[in-house]
């Protein structure tokens, strides 16, 4: 498996992130993202570049003091299965730990990919209401067919150990 260098996204990466994410959105595999949304959230994103081309991206979006979401994980077709996605998820989880986030979730069609990091499937309706704000923009709302997955990085304050 190749080793990939994950970096924070830069403004110059946004058009490529937009193309990559929306390519998967056209296949109903990701939520579409507008260019303005990506510029607003650029600090959430990590990228892997091959030369000057963004070949993979993922965002860690903080929802609340104890909760973050890995979203917009996309890897160019020709780079899938080579470790790009794994490197991006590891970067997101490392950032969540640095921020002292106790729980990370994702919505996915590939649960087996996230299970290798310790995520477990949960009922979509068990996720906190604060995550639903973005859902109303989804073309599949309210009939979401994604699988909710959760990873507990540490116990929340006051939670029994």
Foldseek 3Di string as FASTA:
>chain_A
DDDFDKDQADLVCLVLLQVQLVVCVVVVFAFHDDSVRCVVQSRQKIFTDDPNHTQWMWGWADLDLAETEIHSTGGHPVCPPVCRSVVRVVVNVVVCVVSVHFKYKYWGPCVVVVVVVPKDWDPPVPDDPSVCPCVVSGPCPPPDPTTMIMDGPDDDPPDDD
